[in-house]
C-alpha atoms as a PDB file:
ATOM      1  CA  UNK A   1     240.669 197.520  90.073  1.00  0.00           C
ATOM      2  CA  UNK A   2     237.826 199.994  89.151  1.00  0.00           C
ATOM      3  CA  UNK A   3     235.523 197.359  86.944  1.00  0.00           C
ATOM      4  CA  UNK A   4     236.166 194.690  89.992  1.00  0.00           C
ATOM      5  CA  UNK A   5     235.148 196.884  92.840  1.00  0.00           C
ATOM      6  CA  UNK A   6     238.029 198.532  93.965  1.00  0.00           C
ATOM      7  CA  UNK A   7     236.490 202.004  94.014  1.00  0.00           C
ATOM      8  CA  UNK A   8     237.697 205.180  95.651  1.00  0.00           C
ATOM      9  CA  UNK A   9     236.340 203.052  98.604  1.00  0.00           C
ATOM     10  CA  UNK A  10     239.269 200.773  99.052  1.00  0.00           C
ATOM     11  CA  UNK A  11     242.787 203.180  98.262  1.00  0.00           C
ATOM     12  CA  UNK A  12     243.203 202.051 102.108  1.00  0.00           C
ATOM     13  CA  UNK A  13     242.595 198.491 102.327  1.00  0.00           C
ATOM     14  CA  UNK A  14     242.517 196.638 105.550  1.00  0.00           C
ATOM     15  CA  UNK A  15     245.581 195.671 106.976  1.00  0.00           C
ATOM     16  CA  UNK A  16     246.949 193.418 110.244  1.00  0.00           C
ATOM     17  CA  UNK A  17     248.982 196.271 110.965  1.00  0.00           C
ATOM     18  CA  UNK A  18     246.395 198.481 110.798  1.00  0.00           C
ATOM     19  CA  UNK A  19     243.333 197.162 112.240  1.00  0.00           C
ATOM     20  CA  UNK A  20     245.075 194.960 114.987  1.00  0.00           C
ATOM     21  CA  UNK A  21     242.604 192.858 116.585  1.00  0.00           C
ATOM     22  CA  UNK A  22     239.573 194.619 114.511  1.00  0.00           C
ATOM     23  CA  UNK A  23     241.338 192.809 111.103  1.00  0.00           C
ATOM     24  CA  UNK A  24     239.254 189.943 110.533  1.00  0.00           C
ATOM     25  CA  UNK A  25     235.133 191.607 111.403  1.00  0.00           C
ATOM     26  CA  UNK A  26     237.484 194.888 108.846  1.00  0.00           C
ATOM     27  CA  UNK A  27     238.064 192.470 106.272  1.00  0.00           C
ATOM     28  CA  UNK A  28     234.474 191.240 106.189  1.00  0.00           C
ATOM     29  CA  UNK A  29     232.988 194.380 105.735  1.00  0.00           C
ATOM     30  CA  UNK A  30     235.585 195.211 102.944  1.00  0.00           C
ATOM     31  CA  UNK A  31     234.756 191.962 101.082  1.00  0.00           C
ATOM     32  CA  UNK A  32     230.602 192.780 101.578  1.00  0.00           C
ATOM     33  CA  UNK A  33     231.613 195.875  99.399  1.00  0.00           C
ATOM     34  CA  UNK A  34     233.089 193.738  97.421  1.00  0.00           C
ATOM     35  CA  UNK A  35     230.598 191.662  96.580  1.00  0.00           C
ATOM     36  CA  UNK A  36     227.884 194.318  96.093  1.00  0.00           C
ATOM     37  CA  UNK A  37     229.596 194.747  92.988  1.00  0.00           C
ATOM     38  CA  UNK A  38     230.474 191.179  91.370  1.00  0.00           C
ATOM     39  CA  UNK A  39     228.017 189.244  92.747  1.00  0.00           C
ATOM     40  CA  UNK A  40     224.960 189.663  90.809  1.00  0.00           C
ATOM     41  CA  UNK A  41     227.214 190.017  87.554  1.00  0.00           C
ATOM     42  CA  UNK A  42     225.885 187.975  84.510  1.00  0.00           C
ATOM     43  CA  UNK A  43     229.374 185.703  85.399  1.00  0.00           C
ATOM     44  CA  UNK A  44     228.517 184.806  88.746  1.00  0.00           C
ATOM     45  CA  UNK A  45     224.517 185.872  88.845  1.00  0.00           C
ATOM     46  CA  UNK A  46     224.769 185.472  92.545  1.00  0.00           C
ATOM     47  CA  UNK A  47     226.822 182.456  93.690  1.00  0.00           C
ATOM     48  CA  UNK A  48     230.300 182.092  93.681  1.00  0.00           C
ATOM     49  CA  UNK A  49     233.184 180.257  94.579  1.00  0.00           C
ATOM     50  CA  UNK A  50     235.607 181.178  97.462  1.00  0.00           C
ATOM     51  CA  UNK A  51     238.172 179.793  95.537  1.00  0.00           C
ATOM     52  CA  UNK A  52     237.539 182.333  93.114  1.00  0.00           C
ATOM     53  CA  UNK A  53     236.383 184.897  95.747  1.00  0.00           C
ATOM     54  CA  UNK A  54     239.945 184.817  96.672  1.00  0.00           C
ATOM     55  CA  UNK A  55     241.457 185.122  93.332  1.00  0.00           C
ATOM     56  CA  UNK A  56     238.984 188.069  92.067  1.00  0.00           C
ATOM     57  CA  UNK A  57     239.975 189.968  95.889  1.00  0.00           C
ATOM     58  CA  UNK A  58     243.166 189.960  95.891  1.00  0.00           C
ATOM     59  CA  UNK A  59     243.989 190.836  92.588  1.00  0.00           C
ATOM     60  CA  UNK A  60     241.824 193.440  92.883  1.00  0.00           C
ATOM     61  CA  UNK A  61     243.495 194.600  96.125  1.00  0.00           C
ATOM     62  CA  UNK A  62     246.923 194.255  93.562  1.00  0.00           C
ATOM     63  CA  UNK A  63     250.048 193.539  96.367  1.00  0.00           C
ATOM     64  CA  UNK A  64     248.806 194.260  99.549  1.00  0.00           C
ATOM     65  CA  UNK A  65     247.049 190.709  99.384  1.00  0.00           C
ATOM     66  CA  UNK A  66     245.202 189.097 101.565  1.00  0.00           C
ATOM     67  CA  UNK A  67     246.293 185.006 102.918  1.00  0.00           C
ATOM     68  CA  UNK A  68     243.942 182.026 102.014  1.00  0.00           C
ATOM     69  CA  UNK A  69     243.825 181.435 106.134  1.00  0.00           C
ATOM     70  CA  UNK A  70     242.951 185.018 106.718  1.00  0.00           C
ATOM     71  CA  UNK A  71     240.066 184.924 103.244  1.00  0.00           C
ATOM     72  CA  UNK A  72     238.384 181.936 105.321  1.00  0.00           C
ATOM     73  CA  UNK A  73     238.451 183.276 108.609  1.00  0.00           C
ATOM     74  CA  UNK A  74     236.796 186.051 106.933  1.00  0.00           C
ATOM     75  CA  UNK A  75     233.863 185.107 105.406  1.00  0.00           C
ATOM     76  CA  UNK A  76     233.203 182.861 108.205  1.00  0.00           C
ATOM     77  CA  UNK A  77     232.820 186.117 110.245  1.00  0.00           C
ATOM     78  CA  UNK A  78     230.802 187.840 107.494  1.00  0.00           C
ATOM     79  CA  UNK A  79     227.302 186.151 108.185  1.00  0.00           C
ATOM     80  CA  UNK A  80     227.892 187.810 112.192  1.00  0.00           C
ATOM     81  CA  UNK A  81     227.834 191.001 109.575  1.00  0.00           C
ATOM     82  CA  UNK A  82     225.876 191.128 106.224  1.00  0.00           C
ATOM     83  CA  UNK A  83     222.233 189.895 105.739  1.00  0.00           C
ATOM     84  CA  UNK A  84     222.675 189.997 102.595  1.00  0.00           C
ATOM     85  CA  UNK A  85     225.623 186.756 102.103  1.00  0.00           C
ATOM     86  CA  UNK A  86     226.262 184.113 103.294  1.00  0.00           C
ATOM     87  CA  UNK A  87     228.684 180.771 103.044  1.00  0.00           C
ATOM     88  CA  UNK A  88     227.621 177.156 101.874  1.00  0.00           C
ATOM     89  CA  UNK A  89     229.910 174.101 102.505  1.00  0.00           C
ATOM     90  CA  UNK A  90     229.147 171.483  99.964  1.00  0.00           C
ATOM     91  CA  UNK A  91     229.694 168.391 102.665  1.00  0.00           C
ATOM     92  CA  UNK A  92     230.343 166.157  99.582  1.00  0.00           C
ATOM     93  CA  UNK A  93     233.276 167.986  97.477  1.00  0.00           C
ATOM     94  CA  UNK A  94     234.358 170.217 100.260  1.00  0.00           C
ATOM     95  CA  UNK A  95     233.399 173.703  97.502  1.00  0.00           C
ATOM     96  CA  UNK A  96     232.487 176.578 100.135  1.00  0.00           C
ATOM     97  CA  UNK A  97     230.340 179.301  98.123  1.00  0.00           C
ATOM     98  CA  UNK A  98     228.854 182.699  98.555  1.00  0.00           C
END
């Protein structure tokens, strides 16, 4: 988990029961912190597919998984909180990347 960016900052993961109405905002902020650790690695070179992010992020969270719908809503809200990351949708293929 340490190699994937889930360090001491992530000891208490964002959850709907804790965050309540701010869940998607809190999750977007946590995803931004997570992206800071993985997006510029040799493997991703600044761009990551939403499906890859979903898999890697949930693997790092362990048993407290995030649903695809929650991830999608949070990533769509990411542009409100982050000046570094944005969601790009390709209309022909339907692929989404950050």
